[in-house]
Protein backbone atom coordinates (compact mmCIF):
# COMPACT_ATOMS: atom_id res chain seq x y z
CA MET A 1 -76.81 53.37 21.81
CA LYS A 2 -74.09 51.09 23.16
CA LEU A 3 -72.71 50.04 19.75
CA LYS A 4 -73.28 53.13 17.64
CA ASP A 5 -71.13 53.04 14.47
CA LYS A 6 -69.44 49.78 15.52
CA VAL A 7 -69.08 46.98 12.98
CA ALA A 8 -70.03 43.53 14.26
CA LEU A 9 -69.61 40.14 12.61
CA ILE A 10 -71.68 37.22 13.91
CA THR A 11 -70.99 33.68 12.70
CA GLY A 12 -73.88 31.25 12.78
CA GLY A 13 -76.09 34.32 12.55
CA GLY A 14 -78.94 32.79 10.60
CA SER A 15 -80.95 31.43 13.51
CA GLY A 16 -81.16 30.95 17.26
CA ILE A 17 -78.65 32.82 19.40
CA GLY A 18 -76.75 34.25 16.42
CA ALA A 19 -79.87 35.79 14.92
CA ALA A 20 -80.87 37.25 18.30
CA VAL A 21 -77.40 38.78 18.68
CA ALA A 22 -77.55 40.31 15.20
CA ARG A 23 -80.93 41.89 15.92
CA ARG A 24 -79.86 43.16 19.35
CA PHE A 25 -76.63 44.67 18.05
CA ALA A 26 -78.48 46.40 15.21
CA GLU A 27 -80.91 47.89 17.74
CA GLU A 28 -77.89 49.33 19.55
CA GLY A 29 -76.56 51.02 16.42
CA ALA A 30 -74.09 48.45 15.08
CA ARG A 31 -73.59 47.74 11.42
CA VAL A 32 -73.98 43.97 11.27
CA ALA A 33 -72.46 41.25 9.11
CA ILE A 34 -74.39 38.00 9.42
CA ALA A 35 -72.30 34.99 8.49
CA ASP A 36 -73.60 31.49 7.89
CA VAL A 37 -72.85 28.49 5.73
CA VAL A 38 -76.28 28.69 4.03
CA PRO A 39 -78.22 31.82 3.04
CA GLN A 40 -81.61 30.62 4.32
CA GLY A 41 -82.37 32.33 7.58
CA ALA A 42 -79.38 34.67 7.47
CA GLU A 43 -80.77 36.57 4.48
CA GLY A 44 -84.06 36.89 6.33
CA VAL A 45 -82.36 38.31 9.43
CA LYS A 46 -80.43 40.75 7.22
CA ASP A 47 -83.59 41.91 5.47
CA GLU A 48 -85.39 42.31 8.79
CA ILE A 49 -82.64 44.55 10.13
CA ILE A 50 -82.57 46.67 6.98
CA LYS A 51 -86.36 47.10 7.01
CA LYS A 52 -86.06 48.51 10.53
CA GLY A 53 -83.53 51.09 9.36
CA GLY A 54 -80.34 49.24 10.27
CA GLU A 55 -77.33 48.26 8.18
CA ALA A 56 -76.61 44.60 7.52
CA ILE A 57 -74.94 42.31 5.02
CA PHE A 58 -74.81 38.54 4.57
CA CYS A 59 -71.53 36.63 4.33
CA GLN A 60 -71.66 33.03 3.17
CA VAL A 61 -68.84 31.10 4.80
CA ASP A 62 -67.74 27.68 5.95
CA VAL A 63 -65.77 28.56 9.08
CA ARG A 64 -63.72 25.36 8.72
CA LYS A 65 -61.99 26.77 5.63
CA ARG A 66 -59.24 29.37 6.04
CA ASP A 67 -59.66 30.96 2.60
CA GLU A 68 -63.39 31.47 3.11
CA VAL A 69 -62.85 32.93 6.57
CA HIS A 70 -60.29 35.44 5.31
CA GLY A 71 -62.60 36.30 2.42
CA MET A 72 -65.39 36.95 4.92
CA ILE A 73 -63.21 39.32 6.95
CA ASP A 74 -62.14 41.13 3.78
CA GLN A 75 -65.79 41.45 2.70
CA VAL A 76 -66.79 43.02 6.02
CA VAL A 77 -63.90 45.49 6.03
CA GLN A 78 -64.51 46.45 2.40
CA GLU A 79 -68.22 46.97 3.01
CA PHE A 80 -68.11 48.75 6.35
CA GLY A 81 -64.53 50.05 6.60
CA SER A 82 -63.58 48.24 9.81
CA LEU A 83 -64.27 45.29 12.09
CA ASP A 84 -64.80 46.08 15.76
CA ILE A 85 -66.65 43.06 17.13
CA LEU A 86 -66.46 39.35 16.33
CA ILE A 87 -69.03 36.96 17.78
CA ASN A 88 -67.89 33.36 17.24
CA ASN A 89 -71.24 31.60 17.45
CA ALA A 90 -71.12 28.94 14.72
CA GLY A 91 -71.54 25.45 16.09
CA VAL A 92 -73.09 22.06 15.35
CA THR A 93 -73.92 18.82 17.15
CA ARG A 94 -73.50 15.20 16.08
CA ASP A 95 -74.34 13.29 19.25
CA ASN A 96 -73.24 9.73 19.93
CA LEU A 97 -71.64 7.72 22.68
CA CYS A 98 -67.85 7.76 22.45
CA ALA A 99 -67.63 4.02 21.79
CA ARG A 100 -69.90 4.43 18.75
CA MET A 101 -68.78 7.84 17.51
CA SER A 102 -67.33 7.95 14.03
CA GLU A 103 -64.24 9.92 13.15
CA GLU A 104 -66.41 12.00 10.82
CA GLU A 105 -68.78 12.92 13.66
CA TRP A 106 -65.83 13.95 15.83
CA ASP A 107 -64.09 15.94 13.10
CA PHE A 108 -67.17 17.80 11.92
CA VAL A 109 -68.14 19.12 15.36
CA VAL A 110 -64.59 19.96 16.44
CA ASP A 111 -63.76 21.62 13.13
CA VAL A 112 -66.85 23.85 13.08
CA SER A 113 -66.78 24.84 16.75
CA LEU A 114 -63.11 24.91 17.73
CA LYS A 115 -61.20 25.25 14.47
CA GLY A 116 -63.79 27.74 13.20
CA THR A 117 -63.38 29.89 16.29
CA PHE A 118 -59.60 29.76 15.90
CA LEU A 119 -59.65 30.69 12.21
CA CYS A 120 -62.12 33.56 12.66
CA SER A 121 -60.27 34.97 15.67
CA GLN A 122 -56.96 34.74 13.83
CA ALA A 123 -58.29 36.50 10.73
CA ALA A 124 -60.09 39.20 12.73
CA TYR A 125 -56.85 40.09 14.49
CA ARG A 126 -55.49 41.86 11.41
CA PRO A 127 -58.02 44.71 11.18
CA MET A 128 -58.47 44.89 14.96
CA ARG A 129 -54.74 45.19 15.57
CA LYS A 130 -54.47 47.89 12.91
CA GLN A 131 -57.12 50.03 14.62
CA LYS A 132 -55.94 49.12 18.15
CA TYR A 133 -59.44 48.08 19.18
CA GLY A 134 -61.51 44.92 19.19
CA ARG A 135 -64.02 42.79 21.02
CA ILE A 136 -64.15 39.03 20.50
CA VAL A 137 -66.77 36.89 22.21
CA ASN A 138 -66.58 33.12 21.81
CA THR A 139 -69.21 30.49 22.54
CA ALA A 140 -68.62 27.54 24.83
CA SER A 141 -71.36 25.59 26.65
CA VAL A 142 -72.33 24.31 30.06
CA VAL A 143 -71.50 20.83 28.73
CA VAL A 144 -67.80 21.58 29.13
CA ARG A 145 -68.44 19.99 32.53
CA GLY A 146 -69.34 16.74 30.80
CA ASN A 147 -72.42 15.34 29.07
CA MET A 148 -73.07 11.77 27.94
CA GLY A 149 -73.29 11.39 24.20
CA GLN A 150 -71.51 14.66 23.45
CA VAL A 151 -67.81 13.91 23.77
CA ASN A 152 -67.11 15.76 20.52
CA TYR A 153 -69.21 18.79 21.42
CA SER A 154 -68.04 19.08 25.04
CA SER A 155 -64.40 18.67 23.98
CA SER A 156 -64.70 21.37 21.33
CA LYS A 157 -66.34 23.76 23.79
CA ALA A 158 -63.72 23.08 26.47
CA GLY A 159 -61.08 23.85 23.87
CA ILE A 160 -62.78 27.16 23.13
CA ILE A 161 -62.36 28.19 26.77
CA GLY A 162 -58.62 27.49 26.58
CA LEU A 163 -58.44 29.35 23.28
CA THR A 164 -60.27 32.32 24.79
CA ARG A 165 -57.91 32.64 27.73
CA THR A 166 -54.80 32.35 25.58
CA LEU A 167 -56.02 34.86 22.98
CA ALA A 168 -56.93 37.27 25.78
CA LEU A 169 -53.27 37.27 26.80
CA GLU A 170 -51.93 37.49 23.25
CA TYR A 171 -54.31 40.20 22.02
CA ALA A 172 -54.39 42.44 25.09
CA ARG A 173 -51.59 44.76 23.97
CA SER A 174 -53.59 45.58 20.86
CA ASN A 175 -56.55 46.65 23.05
CA ILE A 176 -58.55 43.61 21.97
CA THR A 177 -60.57 41.83 24.65
CA VAL A 178 -61.48 38.16 24.27
CA ASN A 179 -64.21 36.63 26.40
CA CYS A 180 -66.51 33.64 26.29
CA ILE A 181 -70.08 32.77 27.14
CA ALA A 182 -71.20 29.26 28.11
CA PRO A 183 -74.95 28.87 27.55
CA GLY A 184 -76.97 26.12 29.15
CA PHE A 185 -80.34 24.94 27.84
CA ILE A 186 -81.45 27.73 25.50
CA ASP A 187 -84.68 27.52 23.52
CA THR A 188 -83.23 27.40 19.99
CA PRO A 189 -83.90 25.23 16.92
CA MET A 190 -80.62 23.35 17.43
CA THR A 191 -81.50 22.56 21.05
CA ALA A 192 -85.04 21.52 20.14
CA ALA A 193 -83.79 19.21 17.37
CA GLY A 194 -81.75 17.18 19.84
CA MET A 195 -84.33 16.93 22.63
CA THR A 196 -87.31 14.62 22.98
CA ASP A 197 -90.07 15.63 25.38
CA LYS A 198 -88.62 13.26 27.96
CA VAL A 199 -85.12 14.69 27.60
CA LYS A 200 -86.51 18.21 27.90
CA GLU A 201 -88.41 17.24 31.05
CA LEU A 202 -85.25 15.79 32.61
CA ALA A 203 -83.26 18.87 31.57
CA LEU A 204 -85.74 21.23 33.22
CA GLU A 205 -85.45 19.25 36.46
CA ARG A 206 -81.72 20.09 36.52
CA ILE A 207 -82.20 23.84 36.09
CA PRO A 208 -82.59 25.74 39.38
CA LEU A 209 -84.56 28.50 37.61
CA ALA A 210 -86.85 25.76 36.24
CA ARG A 211 -86.99 27.05 32.66
CA MET A 212 -84.96 27.22 29.51
CA GLY A 213 -83.20 30.43 28.59
CA THR A 214 -84.05 32.53 25.56
CA PRO A 215 -81.74 33.61 22.73
CA GLU A 216 -82.52 37.22 23.65
CA GLU A 217 -81.16 36.70 27.17
CA VAL A 218 -77.92 35.38 25.71
CA ALA A 219 -77.79 38.29 23.26
CA ASN A 220 -77.94 40.74 26.15
CA VAL A 221 -74.77 39.25 27.65
CA HIS A 222 -73.09 39.39 24.26
CA LEU A 223 -74.04 43.07 24.10
CA PHE A 224 -72.40 43.77 27.45
CA LEU A 225 -69.16 41.97 26.57
CA ALA A 226 -69.03 43.62 23.13
CA SER A 227 -69.59 47.11 24.50
CA ASP A 228 -67.23 49.58 26.11
CA ASP A 229 -68.93 48.82 29.44
CA ALA A 230 -66.80 45.64 29.49
CA GLY A 231 -63.57 47.31 28.40
CA TYR A 232 -61.59 46.03 31.41
CA ILE A 233 -62.87 42.45 31.20
CA THR A 234 -60.90 39.88 29.22
CA GLY A 235 -60.21 36.16 29.36
CA GLN A 236 -63.41 35.43 31.25
CA VAL A 237 -66.15 32.81 30.87
CA ILE A 238 -69.75 33.64 31.80
CA PHE A 239 -72.18 30.75 32.30
CA LEU A 240 -75.76 31.50 31.20
CA ASP A 241 -77.41 28.33 32.42
CA GLY A 242 -80.11 29.16 34.96
CA GLY A 243 -77.87 27.84 37.71
CA VAL A 244 -77.15 24.38 36.25
CA SER A 245 -73.38 24.66 36.71
CA ILE A 246 -73.76 25.39 40.41
CA GLY A 247 -74.80 21.83 41.11
CA ILE A 248 -72.45 20.00 38.76
């Protein structure tokens, strides 16, 4: 097992990619903390893992709030004794053209995605530095290259790439690697909610592999970056987009 006895925390773990990562990590022997702002979904993933013989807990957290984030980290360490892996997966969309976008739509997306990643990575540094070991994997998106109607989302994800590279430099001496994945069109509830049939058809035309990706395919890349197989990789961004970024 690639993650035997490791402790992994996944934000946004109640559905989609986060839930797939939690399940995959548990299969590989990790003790898993599933964090989400609401218990629905996350509690179900936790129960599923436990029924299969794994170890899992649920942490309710709003990643925009420093006190809640630090409380989440403390909960994980108290429950499992350490924190080895942090998957910053929490994210939201509030699409609109820039000229029509409200300040609230901008703030909400940027605060959850970018500020949340910053706060969680900052708080996780304490236990990781103490044990001289850590793996942090952040979540960007193929839309960092630009996407109409998503100026808030693409800006937050571009910021996450800059954050990843800087943290990789700052955390390296504590033997903590920091990397980032940038998914393309992945078949998740959040993606489906924002896509009409016509939009999905147009999206598929842009994908060289001619299909959407699955959460499980993304989880497999998370597994690699979180494992000791990737111990000499840090500050990198991996696009999981079926080839979309090649032609942009």
